[in-house]
Amino acid sequence: MDERELHRLCADEFAARARRIGGRWEAPTPCAGWDVRALVRHVVEEELWAPPLLAGATIADVGDRFAGDQLGDDPLGAFERAHAAAVTAVDEAPDRDVHLSFGDAPRAEYTLQLAADHLVHAWDLARAVGEDDTLDPRAVEAVREWFASMEDAYRGAGVIGDRAPVDPGADPQTALLAMFGRARGGGALAAVERFDRAFGARDVDAVMAAMTPDCVFEDTGPPDGRRHVGAAAVRAAWEALFAASPEATFTTEEVVEAGDRVVARWRYDHGDGHVRGVDLFTVRDGLVAEKLSYVKG
């Protein structure tokens, strides 16, 4: 595939998810320390840099033009403008070297770097907002073929994490994500940490995006806990909990991972005191499928 066509394909993969963010800009992403807004900000900054660099500017020429938060009060609008300008710049760029921070690179190579970053972050964004995370198979194959010779250099530069473990017969998308340090399922502990960040923020949409559609929540109501089955019932349980205790807080005291299970000890502080308890999570495909809660009597 021509690298310009690949860039458009990958950029559109990210754009499709960005247009469905809605109000979930603070939802946690698979990128440690980044919520959705931070992830989109990173991509927008990359897109803002593309036109001047492809036009022949140096890093020094651009200077601090794009310093600070480029999203402003209209993050989706800022993204759309940067996205359109970057795609046009890539399509129309002359075939000459691009002056990057680590040295000059051929225009085609820089275009492939942009494409790969958009594709992998499209997956990150899909996971964050609960969208389908299946990427275009043509884009996956093309990026994987290119990245095979670049992976060691990226990792040596600290741009990506360690390669994630993956079965030898894994599908192309899972294999590509592993090259970029991402497990397609995300791992049980990572899934629970994402759930906890959303829960701590009292963001019901983000909590549900971290759970499977057929999720189960068993609360601490006596004697055996009320059982809530399915996304609608579980969502209603969270909404009722947050509404009934607007000032209460959960503090995680310890987390232990064992395969697809995670055990978390916690403390719940409310207006009249506190209780301590344990959650038993079951994770499936990187999402919380079951949360069983128990408290000290």
C-alpha atoms as a PDB file:
ATOM      1  CA  MET A   1       0.000   0.000   0.000  1.00  0.00           C
ATOM      2  CA  ASP A   2       1.253   3.504  -0.812  1.00  0.00           C
ATOM      3  CA  GLU A   3       2.338   5.219   2.418  1.00  0.00           C
ATOM      4  CA  ARG A   4       0.068   8.214   1.789  1.00  0.00           C
ATOM      5  CA  GLU A   5      -2.927   5.928   1.407  1.00  0.00           C
ATOM      6  CA  LEU A   6      -1.869   4.082   4.559  1.00  0.00           C
ATOM      7  CA  HIS A   7      -1.632   7.345   6.471  1.00  0.00           C
ATOM      8  CA  ARG A   8      -5.158   8.365   5.434  1.00  0.00           C
ATOM      9  CA  LEU A   9      -6.464   4.952   6.451  1.00  0.00           C
ATOM     10  CA  CYS A  10      -4.806   5.048   9.882  1.00  0.00           C
ATOM     11  CA  ALA A  11      -5.700   8.691  10.530  1.00  0.00           C
ATOM     12  CA  ASP A  12      -9.327   7.933   9.688  1.00  0.00           C
ATOM     13  CA  GLU A  13      -9.285   4.962  12.093  1.00  0.00           C
ATOM     14  CA  PHE A  14      -8.415   7.362  14.900  1.00  0.00           C
ATOM     15  CA  ALA A  15     -10.851  10.025  13.698  1.00  0.00           C
ATOM     16  CA  ALA A  16     -13.746   7.567  13.666  1.00  0.00           C
ATOM     17  CA  ARG A  17     -13.243   6.867  17.381  1.00  0.00           C
ATOM     18  CA  ALA A  18     -12.604  10.508  18.257  1.00  0.00           C
ATOM     19  CA  ARG A  19     -15.965  11.495  16.786  1.00  0.00           C
ATOM     20  CA  ARG A  20     -17.700   9.125  19.202  1.00  0.00           C
ATOM     21  CA  ILE A  21     -16.041  10.330  22.412  1.00  0.00           C
ATOM     22  CA  GLY A  22     -19.087  12.318  23.460  1.00  0.00           C
ATOM     23  CA  GLY A  23     -18.564  13.586  26.997  1.00  0.00           C
ATOM     24  CA  ARG A  24     -15.985  10.991  27.986  1.00  0.00           C
ATOM     25  CA  TRP A  25     -12.856  13.151  27.777  1.00  0.00           C
ATOM     26  CA  GLU A  26     -11.717  12.168  31.265  1.00  0.00           C
ATOM     27  CA  ALA A  27     -12.068   8.412  30.757  1.00  0.00           C
ATOM     28  CA  PRO A  28      -8.839   6.475  31.431  1.00  0.00           C
ATOM     29  CA  THR A  29      -6.965   4.949  28.484  1.00  0.00           C
ATOM     30  CA  PRO A  30      -4.545   2.015  28.201  1.00  0.00           C
ATOM     31  CA  CYS A  31      -1.740   4.620  28.094  1.00  0.00           C
ATOM     32  CA  ALA A  32      -0.576   4.984  31.702  1.00  0.00           C
ATOM     33  CA  GLY A  33      -1.329   8.436  33.077  1.00  0.00           C
ATOM     34  CA  TRP A  34      -3.344   9.561  30.040  1.00  0.00           C
ATOM     35  CA  ASP A  35      -7.061  10.118  29.954  1.00  0.00           C
ATOM     36  CA  VAL A  36      -8.903  10.534  26.643  1.00  0.00           C
ATOM     37  CA  ARG A  37      -8.191  14.253  26.464  1.00  0.00           C
ATOM     38  CA  ALA A  38      -4.452  13.702  26.969  1.00  0.00           C
ATOM     39  CA  LEU A  39      -4.420  11.024  24.271  1.00  0.00           C
ATOM     40  CA  VAL A  40      -6.229  13.234  21.757  1.00  0.00           C
ATOM     41  CA  ARG A  41      -3.996  16.162  22.682  1.00  0.00           C
ATOM     42  CA  HIS A  42      -0.923  14.043  21.847  1.00  0.00           C
ATOM     43  CA  VAL A  43      -2.330  13.132  18.440  1.00  0.00           C
ATOM     44  CA  VAL A  44      -3.383  16.724  17.709  1.00  0.00           C
ATOM     45  CA  GLU A  45       0.089  18.014  18.530  1.00  0.00           C
ATOM     46  CA  GLU A  46       1.577  15.434  16.174  1.00  0.00           C
ATOM     47  CA  GLU A  47      -0.841  16.526  13.435  1.00  0.00           C
ATOM     48  CA  LEU A  48      -0.085  20.211  13.983  1.00  0.00           C
ATOM     49  CA  TRP A  49       3.618  19.568  13.519  1.00  0.00           C
ATOM     50  CA  ALA A  50       3.144  17.595  10.297  1.00  0.00           C
ATOM     51  CA  PRO A  51       2.328  20.480   7.854  1.00  0.00           C
ATOM     52  CA  PRO A  52       5.341  22.706   8.667  1.00  0.00           C
ATOM     53  CA  LEU A  53       7.757  19.774   8.829  1.00  0.00           C
ATOM     54  CA  LEU A  54       6.537  18.386   5.517  1.00  0.00           C
ATOM     55  CA  ALA A  55       6.903  21.871   4.036  1.00  0.00           C
ATOM     56  CA  GLY A  56      10.603  21.859   4.944  1.00  0.00           C
ATOM     57  CA  ALA A  57      10.661  23.614   8.328  1.00  0.00           C
ATOM     58  CA  THR A  58      13.084  22.574  11.033  1.00  0.00           C
ATOM     59  CA  ILE A  59      12.280  21.987  14.700  1.00  0.00           C
ATOM     60  CA  ALA A  60      13.901  25.336  15.468  1.00  0.00           C
ATOM     61  CA  ASP A  61      11.787  27.057  12.811  1.00  0.00           C
ATOM     62  CA  VAL A  62       8.577  25.851  14.481  1.00  0.00           C
ATOM     63  CA  GLY A  63       9.864  26.660  17.952  1.00  0.00           C
ATOM     64  CA  ASP A  64       7.138  26.906  20.605  1.00  0.00           C
ATOM     65  CA  ARG A  65       4.321  27.524  18.131  1.00  0.00           C
ATOM     66  CA  PHE A  66       2.426  24.487  19.397  1.00  0.00           C
ATOM     67  CA  ALA A  67       3.318  24.728  23.082  1.00  0.00           C
ATOM     68  CA  GLY A  68       0.537  24.479  25.622  1.00  0.00           C
ATOM     69  CA  ASP A  69      -2.867  22.878  25.386  1.00  0.00           C
ATOM     70  CA  GLN A  70      -3.971  23.021  21.757  1.00  0.00           C
ATOM     71  CA  LEU A  71      -7.440  21.578  22.434  1.00  0.00           C
ATOM     72  CA  GLY A  72      -8.933  24.567  24.235  1.00  0.00           C
ATOM     73  CA  ASP A  73     -12.667  24.653  24.916  1.00  0.00           C
ATOM     74  CA  ASP A  74     -13.527  22.714  21.760  1.00  0.00           C
ATOM     75  CA  PRO A  75     -11.322  19.601  21.773  1.00  0.00           C
ATOM     76  CA  LEU A  76     -13.189  17.790  19.025  1.00  0.00           C
ATOM     77  CA  GLY A  77     -13.161  20.882  16.799  1.00  0.00           C
ATOM     78  CA  ALA A  78      -9.422  21.297  17.411  1.00  0.00           C
ATOM     79  CA  PHE A  79      -8.905  17.688  16.451  1.00  0.00           C
ATOM     80  CA  GLU A  80     -10.961  17.971  13.263  1.00  0.00           C
ATOM     81  CA  ARG A  81      -8.994  21.005  12.083  1.00  0.00           C
ATOM     82  CA  ALA A  82      -5.620  19.428  12.846  1.00  0.00           C
ATOM     83  CA  HIS A  83      -6.671  16.111  11.307  1.00  0.00           C
ATOM     84  CA  ALA A  84      -7.800  17.698   8.013  1.00  0.00           C
ATOM     85  CA  ALA A  85      -4.671  19.838   7.721  1.00  0.00           C
ATOM     86  CA  ALA A  86      -2.342  16.904   8.428  1.00  0.00           C
ATOM     87  CA  VAL A  87      -3.994  14.607   5.883  1.00  0.00           C
ATOM     88  CA  THR A  88      -3.792  17.328   3.223  1.00  0.00           C
ATOM     89  CA  ALA A  89      -0.152  18.037   4.084  1.00  0.00           C
ATOM     90  CA  VAL A  90       0.797  14.370   3.783  1.00  0.00           C
ATOM     91  CA  ASP A  91      -1.057  13.994   0.478  1.00  0.00           C
ATOM     92  CA  GLU A  92       0.590  17.067  -1.057  1.00  0.00           C
ATOM     93  CA  ALA A  93       4.099  16.899   0.488  1.00  0.00           C
ATOM     94  CA  PRO A  94       7.050  16.913  -1.946  1.00  0.00           C
ATOM     95  CA  ASP A  95       9.314  13.887  -1.817  1.00  0.00           C
ATOM     96  CA  ARG A  96      12.205  15.270   0.232  1.00  0.00           C
ATOM     97  CA  ASP A  97      13.753  14.724   3.642  1.00  0.00           C
ATOM     98  CA  VAL A  98      11.895  15.868   6.732  1.00  0.00           C
ATOM     99  CA  HIS A  99      13.866  17.539   9.532  1.00  0.00           C
ATOM    100  CA  LEU A 100      12.961  15.670  12.730  1.00  0.00           C
ATOM    101  CA  SER A 101      14.272  15.985  16.291  1.00  0.00           C
ATOM    102  CA  PHE A 102      16.550  12.958  15.898  1.00  0.00           C
ATOM    103  CA  GLY A 103      17.790  13.888  12.419  1.00  0.00           C
ATOM    104  CA  ASP A 104      16.569  13.958   8.850  1.00  0.00           C
ATOM    105  CA  ALA A 105      14.288  11.196   7.548  1.00  0.00           C
ATOM    106  CA  PRO A 106      12.780  10.504   4.131  1.00  0.00           C
ATOM    107  CA  ARG A 107       9.301  11.874   3.635  1.00  0.00           C
ATOM    108  CA  ALA A 108       7.930   8.347   3.173  1.00  0.00           C
ATOM    109  CA  GLU A 109       9.477   7.182   6.461  1.00  0.00           C
ATOM    110  CA  TYR A 110       7.980  10.092   8.400  1.00  0.00           C
ATOM    111  CA  THR A 111       4.609   9.372   6.819  1.00  0.00           C
ATOM    112  CA  LEU A 112       4.805   5.747   8.011  1.00  0.00           C
ATOM    113  CA  GLN A 113       5.661   6.901  11.526  1.00  0.00           C
ATOM    114  CA  LEU A 114       2.563   9.093  11.564  1.00  0.00           C
ATOM    115  CA  ALA A 115       0.419   6.268  10.224  1.00  0.00           C
ATOM    116  CA  ALA A 116       1.597   3.778  12.850  1.00  0.00           C
ATOM    117  CA  ASP A 117       1.055   6.192  15.717  1.00  0.00           C
ATOM    118  CA  HIS A 118      -2.493   6.956  14.596  1.00  0.00           C
ATOM    119  CA  LEU A 119      -3.364   3.286  14.176  1.00  0.00           C
ATOM    120  CA  VAL A 120      -2.134   2.150  17.583  1.00  0.00           C
ATOM    121  CA  HIS A 121      -3.701   5.141  19.322  1.00  0.00           C
ATOM    122  CA  ALA A 122      -6.968   4.369  17.537  1.00  0.00           C
ATOM    123  CA  TRP A 123      -6.965   1.107  19.467  1.00  0.00           C
ATOM    124  CA  ASP A 124      -6.137   2.939  22.710  1.00  0.00           C
ATOM    125  CA  LEU A 125      -9.029   5.334  22.149  1.00  0.00           C
ATOM    126  CA  ALA A 126     -11.450   2.548  21.253  1.00  0.00           C
ATOM    127  CA  ARG A 127     -10.636   0.742  24.491  1.00  0.00           C
ATOM    128  CA  ALA A 128     -11.039   3.946  26.489  1.00  0.00           C
ATOM    129  CA  VAL A 129     -14.504   4.832  25.193  1.00  0.00           C
ATOM    130  CA  GLY A 130     -15.866   1.306  24.849  1.00  0.00           C
ATOM    131  CA  GLU A 131     -15.940   1.234  21.048  1.00  0.00           C
ATOM    132  CA  ASP A 132     -15.143  -1.707  18.771  1.00  0.00           C
ATOM    133  CA  ASP A 133     -11.347  -2.007  18.865  1.00  0.00           C
ATOM    134  CA  THR A 134     -11.023  -3.969  15.613  1.00  0.00           C
ATOM    135  CA  LEU A 135      -8.640  -2.104  13.292  1.00  0.00           C
ATOM    136  CA  ASP A 136      -8.654  -2.129   9.487  1.00  0.00           C
ATOM    137  CA  PRO A 137      -6.838  -5.370   8.552  1.00  0.00           C
ATOM    138  CA  ARG A 138      -5.074  -3.742   5.572  1.00  0.00           C
ATOM    139  CA  ALA A 139      -3.668  -1.044   7.820  1.00  0.00           C
ATOM    140  CA  VAL A 140      -2.636  -3.602  10.429  1.00  0.00           C
ATOM    141  CA  GLU A 141      -0.725  -5.710   7.899  1.00  0.00           C
ATOM    142  CA  ALA A 142       0.994  -2.716   6.307  1.00  0.00           C
ATOM    143  CA  VAL A 143       2.081  -1.189   9.625  1.00  0.00           C
ATOM    144  CA  ARG A 144       3.203  -4.558  10.973  1.00  0.00           C
ATOM    145  CA  GLU A 145       5.341  -5.205   7.904  1.00  0.00           C
ATOM    146  CA  TRP A 146       7.006  -1.788   8.214  1.00  0.00           C
ATOM    147  CA  PHE A 147       7.419  -1.892  11.977  1.00  0.00           C
ATOM    148  CA  ALA A 148       9.153  -5.276  11.990  1.00  0.00           C
ATOM    149  CA  SER A 149      12.415  -3.549  11.075  1.00  0.00           C
ATOM    150  CA  MET A 150      11.779  -0.572  13.380  1.00  0.00           C
ATOM    151  CA  GLU A 151      10.679  -2.236  16.611  1.00  0.00           C
ATOM    152  CA  ASP A 152      14.145  -2.607  18.186  1.00  0.00           C
ATOM    153  CA  ALA A 153      15.037   1.011  17.404  1.00  0.00           C
ATOM    154  CA  TYR A 154      11.777   2.299  18.892  1.00  0.00           C
ATOM    155  CA  ARG A 155      12.254   0.237  22.043  1.00  0.00           C
ATOM    156  CA  GLY A 156      15.880   1.246  22.363  1.00  0.00           C
ATOM    157  CA  ALA A 157      14.830   4.888  22.197  1.00  0.00           C
ATOM    158  CA  GLY A 158      12.284   4.322  24.962  1.00  0.00           C
ATOM    159  CA  VAL A 159       9.346   5.187  22.707  1.00  0.00           C
ATOM    160  CA  ILE A 160       7.526   1.888  23.342  1.00  0.00           C
ATOM    161  CA  GLY A 161       7.416  -0.551  26.238  1.00  0.00           C
ATOM    162  CA  ASP A 162       8.476  -4.156  26.372  1.00  0.00           C
ATOM    163  CA  ARG A 163       6.899  -6.466  23.829  1.00  0.00           C
ATOM    164  CA  ALA A 164       3.772  -8.024  25.308  1.00  0.00           C
ATOM    165  CA  PRO A 165       3.605 -11.832  25.487  1.00  0.00           C
ATOM    166  CA  VAL A 166       1.579 -13.304  22.642  1.00  0.00           C
ATOM    167  CA  ASP A 167       0.848 -16.767  21.284  1.00  0.00           C
ATOM    168  CA  PRO A 168       2.819 -17.743  18.148  1.00  0.00           C
ATOM    169  CA  GLY A 169      -0.421 -18.169  16.203  1.00  0.00           C
ATOM    170  CA  ALA A 170      -1.939 -14.848  17.269  1.00  0.00           C
ATOM    171  CA  ASP A 171      -3.949 -12.878  14.727  1.00  0.00           C
ATOM    172  CA  PRO A 172      -2.172  -9.955  12.976  1.00  0.00           C
ATOM    173  CA  GLN A 173      -3.762  -7.229  15.104  1.00  0.00           C
ATOM    174  CA  THR A 174      -2.847  -8.932  18.377  1.00  0.00           C
ATOM    175  CA  ALA A 175       0.695  -9.461  17.085  1.00  0.00           C
ATOM    176  CA  LEU A 176       1.012  -5.796  16.060  1.00  0.00           C
ATOM    177  CA  LEU A 177      -0.259  -4.526  19.406  1.00  0.00           C
ATOM    178  CA  ALA A 178       2.214  -6.793  21.194  1.00  0.00           C
ATOM    179  CA  MET A 179       5.050  -5.239  19.181  1.00  0.00           C
ATOM    180  CA  PHE A 180       3.982  -1.860  20.550  1.00  0.00           C
ATOM    181  CA  GLY A 181       3.885  -3.204  24.106  1.00  0.00           C
ATOM    182  CA  ARG A 182       0.135  -3.675  24.276  1.00  0.00           C
ATOM    183  CA  ALA A 183      -1.712  -6.866  25.126  1.00  0.00           C
ATOM    184  CA  ARG A 184      -4.978  -6.939  23.203  1.00  0.00           C
ATOM    185  CA  GLY A 185      -6.771  -8.158  26.305  1.00  0.00           C
ATOM    186  CA  GLY A 186      -4.770  -5.658  28.333  1.00  0.00           C
ATOM    187  CA  GLY A 187      -4.125  -8.091  31.208  1.00  0.00           C
ATOM    188  CA  ALA A 188      -6.329  -8.641  34.234  1.00  0.00           C
ATOM    189  CA  LEU A 189      -4.512  -6.199  36.497  1.00  0.00           C
ATOM    190  CA  ALA A 190      -4.532  -3.443  33.848  1.00  0.00           C
ATOM    191  CA  ALA A 191      -8.268  -3.966  33.321  1.00  0.00           C
ATOM    192  CA  VAL A 192      -8.995  -3.617  37.035  1.00  0.00           C
ATOM    193  CA  GLU A 193      -6.753  -0.556  37.349  1.00  0.00           C
ATOM    194  CA  ARG A 194      -8.671   1.071  34.494  1.00  0.00           C
ATOM    195  CA  PHE A 195     -11.953   0.187  36.196  1.00  0.00           C
ATOM    196  CA  ASP A 196     -10.700   1.612  39.503  1.00  0.00           C
ATOM    197  CA  ARG A 197      -9.634   4.911  37.934  1.00  0.00           C
ATOM    198  CA  ALA A 198     -13.078   5.332  36.403  1.00  0.00           C
ATOM    199  CA  PHE A 199     -14.779   4.284  39.636  1.00  0.00           C
ATOM    200  CA  GLY A 200     -12.686   6.709  41.676  1.00  0.00           C
ATOM    201  CA  ALA A 201     -13.732   9.491  39.306  1.00  0.00           C
ATOM    202  CA  ARG A 202     -17.396   8.433  39.756  1.00  0.00           C
ATOM    203  CA  ASP A 203     -17.674   8.364  35.953  1.00  0.00           C
ATOM    204  CA  VAL A 204     -20.405   5.809  35.266  1.00  0.00           C
ATOM    205  CA  ASP A 205     -19.872   5.905  31.490  1.00  0.00           C
ATOM    206  CA  ALA A 206     -16.166   5.175  31.927  1.00  0.00           C
ATOM    207  CA  VAL A 207     -16.904   2.438  34.471  1.00  0.00           C
ATOM    208  CA  MET A 208     -19.241   0.703  32.032  1.00  0.00           C
ATOM    209  CA  ALA A 209     -16.719   1.069  29.206  1.00  0.00           C
ATOM    210  CA  ALA A 210     -14.347  -0.945  31.413  1.00  0.00           C
ATOM    211  CA  MET A 211     -16.889  -3.782  31.793  1.00  0.00           C
ATOM    212  CA  THR A 212     -18.269  -6.416  29.438  1.00  0.00           C
ATOM    213  CA  PRO A 213     -21.831  -6.101  28.077  1.00  0.00           C
ATOM    214  CA  ASP A 214     -22.849  -9.186  30.086  1.00  0.00           C
ATOM    215  CA  CYS A 215     -21.108  -8.028  33.266  1.00  0.00           C
ATOM    216  CA  VAL A 216     -22.158  -9.106  36.746  1.00  0.00           C
ATOM    217  CA  PHE A 217     -21.910  -7.128  39.991  1.00  0.00           C
ATOM    218  CA  GLU A 218     -22.691  -8.697  43.351  1.00  0.00           C
ATOM    219  CA  ASP A 219     -22.982  -6.042  46.054  1.00  0.00           C
ATOM    220  CA  THR A 220     -22.533  -6.349  49.815  1.00  0.00           C
ATOM    221  CA  GLY A 221     -26.196  -6.347  50.800  1.00  0.00           C
ATOM    222  CA  PRO A 222     -26.975  -8.994  53.442  1.00  0.00           C
ATOM    223  CA  PRO A 223     -27.113 -11.875  53.640  1.00  0.00           C
ATOM    224  CA  ASP A 224     -25.553 -12.956  50.332  1.00  0.00           C
ATOM    225  CA  GLY A 225     -25.339  -9.779  48.288  1.00  0.00           C
ATOM    226  CA  ARG A 226     -27.760  -8.557  45.643  1.00  0.00           C
ATOM    227  CA  ARG A 227     -26.784  -9.771  42.184  1.00  0.00           C
ATOM    228  CA  HIS A 228     -26.971  -7.337  39.233  1.00  0.00           C
ATOM    229  CA  VAL A 229     -26.679  -8.998  35.824  1.00  0.00           C
ATOM    230  CA  GLY A 230     -26.095  -7.229  32.499  1.00  0.00           C
ATOM    231  CA  ALA A 231     -24.863  -3.746  31.658  1.00  0.00           C
ATOM    232  CA  ALA A 232     -28.195  -1.999  32.276  1.00  0.00           C
ATOM    233  CA  ALA A 233     -28.641  -3.482  35.746  1.00  0.00           C
ATOM    234  CA  VAL A 234     -25.027  -2.896  36.744  1.00  0.00           C
ATOM    235  CA  ARG A 235     -25.142   0.703  35.489  1.00  0.00           C
ATOM    236  CA  ALA A 236     -28.259   1.315  37.595  1.00  0.00           C
ATOM    237  CA  ALA A 237     -26.470  -0.088  40.653  1.00  0.00           C
ATOM    238  CA  TRP A 238     -23.507   2.280  40.198  1.00  0.00           C
ATOM    239  CA  GLU A 239     -25.785   5.275  39.647  1.00  0.00           C
ATOM    240  CA  ALA A 240     -27.699   4.464  42.831  1.00  0.00           C
ATOM    241  CA  LEU A 241     -24.475   3.987  44.818  1.00  0.00           C
ATOM    242  CA  PHE A 242     -22.941   7.285  43.706  1.00  0.00           C
ATOM    243  CA  ALA A 243     -26.189   9.199  44.232  1.00  0.00           C
ATOM    244  CA  ALA A 244     -26.645   7.812  47.754  1.00  0.00           C
ATOM    245  CA  SER A 245     -23.085   8.600  48.874  1.00  0.00           C
ATOM    246  CA  PRO A 246     -21.793  11.658  46.978  1.00  0.00           C
ATOM    247  CA  GLU A 247     -18.922  12.320  49.414  1.00  0.00           C
ATOM    248  CA  ALA A 248     -17.862   8.727  50.088  1.00  0.00           C
ATOM    249  CA  THR A 249     -14.520   7.405  48.860  1.00  0.00           C
ATOM    250  CA  PHE A 250     -12.977   4.004  48.155  1.00  0.00           C
ATOM    251  CA  THR A 251      -9.261   3.509  48.825  1.00  0.00           C
ATOM    252  CA  THR A 252      -7.516   0.443  47.391  1.00  0.00           C
ATOM    253  CA  GLU A 253      -5.206  -1.117  49.987  1.00  0.00           C
ATOM    254  CA  GLU A 254      -3.796  -4.104  48.080  1.00  0.00           C
ATOM    255  CA  VAL A 255      -4.278  -5.782  44.701  1.00  0.00           C
ATOM    256  CA  VAL A 256      -3.290  -9.343  43.791  1.00  0.00           C
ATOM    257  CA  GLU A 257      -3.474 -10.778  40.251  1.00  0.00           C
ATOM    258  CA  ALA A 258      -3.906 -14.479  39.520  1.00  0.00           C
ATOM    259  CA  GLY A 259      -4.547 -15.280  35.871  1.00  0.00           C
ATOM    260  CA  ASP A 260      -7.885 -13.804  34.872  1.00  0.00           C
ATOM    261  CA  ARG A 261      -8.767 -13.082  38.507  1.00  0.00           C
ATOM    262  CA  VAL A 262      -7.844 -10.062  40.606  1.00  0.00           C
ATOM    263  CA  VAL A 263      -8.400  -9.675  44.340  1.00  0.00           C
ATOM    264  CA  ALA A 264      -8.520  -6.126  45.707  1.00  0.00           C
ATOM    265  CA  ARG A 265      -8.675  -5.117  49.388  1.00  0.00           C
ATOM    266  CA  TRP A 266     -10.303  -1.743  49.948  1.00  0.00           C
ATOM    267  CA  ARG A 267     -11.533   0.743  52.544  1.00  0.00           C
ATOM    268  CA  TYR A 268     -14.815   2.610  52.095  1.00  0.00           C
ATOM    269  CA  ASP A 269     -15.061   5.897  53.981  1.00  0.00           C
ATOM    270  CA  HIS A 270     -18.501   7.427  54.394  1.00  0.00           C
ATOM    271  CA  GLY A 271     -19.858  10.224  56.526  1.00  0.00           C
ATOM    272  CA  ASP A 272     -20.319   8.139  59.685  1.00  0.00           C
ATOM    273  CA  GLY A 273     -17.182   6.019  59.566  1.00  0.00           C
ATOM    274  CA  HIS A 274     -15.734   3.330  57.341  1.00  0.00           C
ATOM    275  CA  VAL A 275     -15.880  -0.326  56.384  1.00  0.00           C
ATOM    276  CA  ARG A 276     -13.215  -2.550  54.852  1.00  0.00           C
ATOM    277  CA  GLY A 277     -13.758  -5.253  52.288  1.00  0.00           C
ATOM    278  CA  VAL A 278     -12.582  -7.283  49.332  1.00  0.00           C
ATOM    279  CA  ASP A 279     -13.547  -7.415  45.658  1.00  0.00           C
ATOM    280  CA  LEU A 280     -13.056 -10.503  43.538  1.00  0.00           C
ATOM    281  CA  PHE A 281     -12.811  -9.519  39.871  1.00  0.00           C
ATOM    282  CA  THR A 282     -12.983 -11.760  36.830  1.00  0.00           C
ATOM    283  CA  VAL A 283     -11.557 -10.256  33.632  1.00  0.00           C
ATOM    284  CA  ARG A 284     -12.349 -11.301  30.064  1.00  0.00           C
ATOM    285  CA  ASP A 285     -10.785  -9.795  26.920  1.00  0.00           C
ATOM    286  CA  GLY A 286      -9.380  -6.863  28.872  1.00  0.00           C
ATOM    287  CA  LEU A 287     -12.699  -5.930  30.495  1.00  0.00           C
ATOM    288  CA  VAL A 288     -14.186  -6.601  33.896  1.00  0.00           C
ATOM    289  CA  ALA A 289     -16.770  -9.371  33.503  1.00  0.00           C
ATOM    290  CA  GLU A 290     -17.593  -9.908  37.177  1.00  0.00           C
ATOM    291  CA  LYS A 291     -17.128  -7.985  40.413  1.00  0.00           C
ATOM    292  CA  LEU A 292     -18.088  -9.795  43.607  1.00  0.00           C
ATOM    293  CA  SER A 293     -17.894  -7.627  46.733  1.00  0.00           C
ATOM    294  CA  TYR A 294     -17.530  -8.695  50.368  1.00  0.00           C
ATOM    295  CA  VAL A 295     -17.202  -6.655  53.585  1.00  0.00           C
ATOM    296  CA  LYS A 296     -15.990  -7.310  57.119  1.00  0.00           C
ATOM    297  CA  GLY A 297     -19.011  -7.880  59.329  1.00  0.00           C
END
